[in-house]
Amino acid sequence: MRIDVVAKVKVIELSSLAPVRKERKPSARQIALQKREATYEAAIAKLQSGQAIAFSPDENDKLPALRASLQRVIDRNARASELHLAILAGVAYVALEPIPGARSPRRKKAASA
């Protein structure tokens, strides 16, 4: 007695094979970061020529965290190539022109022949 077994064939979409990721709620730290960066973005959006915005860290933040947040905001900004960031005496400044007293950006050295 012989029984032929035939496999079932079924066509499925590739997207149904991808694992489903659960949405995670942002942590309190992430929410605070988003609020802080939204404040920075709003201030930088109002920036005009001849002006600079001073950002000083509050009692909960430190200067490196402030600098990193401002750098992320500047990188996302449409005018990123025009914006200048400098830190002088514990205060971060953002302007559309080079900031007096700040270090000049490093320039590439000319290739010597």
C-alpha atoms as a PDB file:
ATOM      1  CA  MET A   1       0.000   0.000   0.000  1.00  0.00           C
ATOM      2  CA  ARG A   2       1.495   3.287  -1.101  1.00  0.00           C
ATOM      3  CA  ILE A   3       0.285   6.729  -0.045  1.00  0.00           C
ATOM      4  CA  ASP A   4       1.409   9.792  -1.954  1.00  0.00           C
ATOM      5  CA  VAL A   5       1.856  12.860   0.223  1.00  0.00           C
ATOM      6  CA  VAL A   6       1.734  16.238  -1.500  1.00  0.00           C
ATOM      7  CA  ALA A   7       3.106  19.352   0.186  1.00  0.00           C
ATOM      8  CA  LYS A   8       0.865  22.345   0.525  1.00  0.00           C
ATOM      9  CA  VAL A   9       1.906  25.312  -1.592  1.00  0.00           C
ATOM     10  CA  LYS A  10       0.937  28.762  -0.530  1.00  0.00           C
ATOM     11  CA  VAL A  11       1.974  32.213  -1.817  1.00  0.00           C
ATOM     12  CA  ILE A  12       2.587  34.814   0.873  1.00  0.00           C
ATOM     13  CA  GLU A  13       3.832  38.372   0.966  1.00  0.00           C
ATOM     14  CA  LEU A  14       7.422  38.951   2.120  1.00  0.00           C
ATOM     15  CA  SER A  15       6.275  41.715   4.441  1.00  0.00           C
ATOM     16  CA  SER A  16       4.333  39.179   6.503  1.00  0.00           C
ATOM     17  CA  LEU A  17       7.604  37.379   7.333  1.00  0.00           C
ATOM     18  CA  ALA A  18       9.196  40.453   8.922  1.00  0.00           C
ATOM     19  CA  PRO A  19       9.070  40.464  12.719  1.00  0.00           C
ATOM     20  CA  VAL A  20       6.667  42.936  14.272  1.00  0.00           C
ATOM     21  CA  ARG A  21       8.421  45.478  16.452  1.00  0.00           C
ATOM     22  CA  LYS A  22       6.759  46.760  19.546  1.00  0.00           C
ATOM     23  CA  GLU A  23       6.496  50.507  19.938  1.00  0.00           C
ATOM     24  CA  ARG A  24       8.352  51.675  23.003  1.00  0.00           C
ATOM     25  CA  LYS A  25       7.414  54.732  24.948  1.00  0.00           C
ATOM     26  CA  PRO A  26      10.245  57.254  25.142  1.00  0.00           C
ATOM     27  CA  SER A  27      11.974  57.446  28.497  1.00  0.00           C
ATOM     28  CA  ALA A  28      11.843  60.543  30.675  1.00  0.00           C
ATOM     29  CA  ARG A  29      15.379  61.372  29.584  1.00  0.00           C
ATOM     30  CA  GLN A  30      14.436  61.125  25.893  1.00  0.00           C
ATOM     31  CA  ILE A  31      11.357  63.310  26.429  1.00  0.00           C
ATOM     32  CA  ALA A  32      13.484  65.952  28.182  1.00  0.00           C
ATOM     33  CA  LEU A  33      16.013  65.833  25.323  1.00  0.00           C
ATOM     34  CA  GLN A  34      13.271  66.281  22.710  1.00  0.00           C
ATOM     35  CA  LYS A  35      11.793  69.266  24.571  1.00  0.00           C
ATOM     36  CA  ARG A  36      15.223  70.877  25.007  1.00  0.00           C
ATOM     37  CA  GLU A  37      16.122  70.436  21.339  1.00  0.00           C
ATOM     38  CA  ALA A  38      12.723  71.780  20.250  1.00  0.00           C
ATOM     39  CA  THR A  39      13.435  74.919  22.290  1.00  0.00           C
ATOM     40  CA  TYR A  40      16.860  75.255  20.667  1.00  0.00           C
ATOM     41  CA  GLU A  41      15.389  74.771  17.168  1.00  0.00           C
ATOM     42  CA  ALA A  42      12.794  77.493  17.774  1.00  0.00           C
ATOM     43  CA  ALA A  43      15.449  79.943  18.963  1.00  0.00           C
ATOM     44  CA  ILE A  44      17.789  79.193  16.052  1.00  0.00           C
ATOM     45  CA  ALA A  45      14.930  79.562  13.556  1.00  0.00           C
ATOM     46  CA  LYS A  46      14.453  83.177  14.707  1.00  0.00           C
ATOM     47  CA  LEU A  47      18.169  83.973  14.356  1.00  0.00           C
ATOM     48  CA  GLN A  48      18.944  86.892  12.056  1.00  0.00           C
ATOM     49  CA  SER A  49      22.137  88.265  10.597  1.00  0.00           C
ATOM     50  CA  GLY A  50      24.206  90.293  13.055  1.00  0.00           C
ATOM     51  CA  GLN A  51      22.778  88.468  16.070  1.00  0.00           C
ATOM     52  CA  ALA A  52      23.998  85.628  18.264  1.00  0.00           C
ATOM     53  CA  ILE A  53      22.043  83.423  20.637  1.00  0.00           C
ATOM     54  CA  ALA A  54      23.591  82.540  23.997  1.00  0.00           C
ATOM     55  CA  PHE A  55      22.754  79.143  25.508  1.00  0.00           C
ATOM     56  CA  SER A  56      23.910  78.565  29.075  1.00  0.00           C
ATOM     57  CA  PRO A  57      23.503  75.166  30.723  1.00  0.00           C
ATOM     58  CA  ASP A  58      21.001  74.971  33.570  1.00  0.00           C
ATOM     59  CA  GLU A  59      21.688  73.294  36.910  1.00  0.00           C
ATOM     60  CA  ASN A  60      20.672  69.854  35.582  1.00  0.00           C
ATOM     61  CA  ASP A  61      22.778  69.969  32.406  1.00  0.00           C
ATOM     62  CA  LYS A  62      26.457  70.103  31.745  1.00  0.00           C
ATOM     63  CA  LEU A  63      28.276  71.969  29.000  1.00  0.00           C
ATOM     64  CA  PRO A  64      29.195  68.853  26.931  1.00  0.00           C
ATOM     65  CA  ALA A  65      25.533  67.775  26.858  1.00  0.00           C
ATOM     66  CA  LEU A  66      24.508  71.283  25.782  1.00  0.00           C
ATOM     67  CA  ARG A  67      27.134  71.316  23.025  1.00  0.00           C
ATOM     68  CA  ALA A  68      26.049  67.889  21.754  1.00  0.00           C
ATOM     69  CA  SER A  69      22.378  68.918  21.691  1.00  0.00           C
ATOM     70  CA  LEU A  70      23.159  72.143  19.860  1.00  0.00           C
ATOM     71  CA  GLN A  71      25.344  70.306  17.343  1.00  0.00           C
ATOM     72  CA  ARG A  72      22.491  67.854  16.582  1.00  0.00           C
ATOM     73  CA  VAL A  73      20.053  70.759  16.130  1.00  0.00           C
ATOM     74  CA  ILE A  74      22.486  72.618  13.860  1.00  0.00           C
ATOM     75  CA  ASP A  75      23.124  69.504  11.755  1.00  0.00           C
ATOM     76  CA  ARG A  76      19.374  69.084  11.181  1.00  0.00           C
ATOM     77  CA  ASN A  77      18.852  72.762  10.349  1.00  0.00           C
ATOM     78  CA  ALA A  78      18.398  73.850   6.734  1.00  0.00           C
ATOM     79  CA  ARG A  79      20.926  76.669   7.274  1.00  0.00           C
ATOM     80  CA  ALA A  80      23.541  74.363   8.835  1.00  0.00           C
ATOM     81  CA  SER A  81      26.279  75.533   6.488  1.00  0.00           C
ATOM     82  CA  GLU A  82      25.733  79.149   7.580  1.00  0.00           C
ATOM     83  CA  LEU A  83      25.557  78.568  11.351  1.00  0.00           C
ATOM     84  CA  HIS A  84      28.556  78.945  13.648  1.00  0.00           C
ATOM     85  CA  LEU A  85      28.815  77.431  17.137  1.00  0.00           C
ATOM     86  CA  ALA A  86      31.322  78.551  19.767  1.00  0.00           C
ATOM     87  CA  ILE A  87      31.715  77.970  23.472  1.00  0.00           C
ATOM     88  CA  LEU A  88      33.209  80.871  25.422  1.00  0.00           C
ATOM     89  CA  ALA A  89      33.485  80.972  29.228  1.00  0.00           C
ATOM     90  CA  GLY A  90      30.931  78.190  29.769  1.00  0.00           C
ATOM     91  CA  VAL A  91      28.286  79.649  27.452  1.00  0.00           C
ATOM     92  CA  ALA A  92      27.456  78.325  23.970  1.00  0.00           C
ATOM     93  CA  TYR A  93      26.845  80.872  21.224  1.00  0.00           C
ATOM     94  CA  VAL A  94      25.211  80.291  17.839  1.00  0.00           C
ATOM     95  CA  ALA A  95      25.372  82.913  15.078  1.00  0.00           C
ATOM     96  CA  LEU A  96      25.141  83.251  11.313  1.00  0.00           C
ATOM     97  CA  GLU A  97      28.578  84.912  11.114  1.00  0.00           C
ATOM     98  CA  PRO A  98      31.881  83.839  12.675  1.00  0.00           C
ATOM     99  CA  ILE A  99      31.856  84.527  16.401  1.00  0.00           C
ATOM    100  CA  PRO A 100      34.561  86.972  17.631  1.00  0.00           C
ATOM    101  CA  GLY A 101      36.945  85.387  20.107  1.00  0.00           C
ATOM    102  CA  ALA A 102      36.133  81.851  19.047  1.00  0.00           C
ATOM    103  CA  ARG A 103      38.621  79.474  17.562  1.00  0.00           C
ATOM    104  CA  SER A 104      38.546  79.422  13.813  1.00  0.00           C
ATOM    105  CA  PRO A 105      37.518  76.153  12.165  1.00  0.00           C
ATOM    106  CA  ARG A 106      40.367  73.834  11.318  1.00  0.00           C
ATOM    107  CA  ARG A 107      41.391  74.055   7.726  1.00  0.00           C
ATOM    108  CA  LYS A 108      42.786  71.218   5.693  1.00  0.00           C
ATOM    109  CA  LYS A 109      46.494  71.464   5.149  1.00  0.00           C
ATOM    110  CA  ALA A 110      47.635  71.779   1.566  1.00  0.00           C
ATOM    111  CA  ALA A 111      49.085  68.583   0.199  1.00  0.00           C
ATOM    112  CA  SER A 112      52.825  69.006  -0.115  1.00  0.00           C
ATOM    113  CA  ALA A 113      54.399  67.782  -3.301  1.00  0.00           C
END
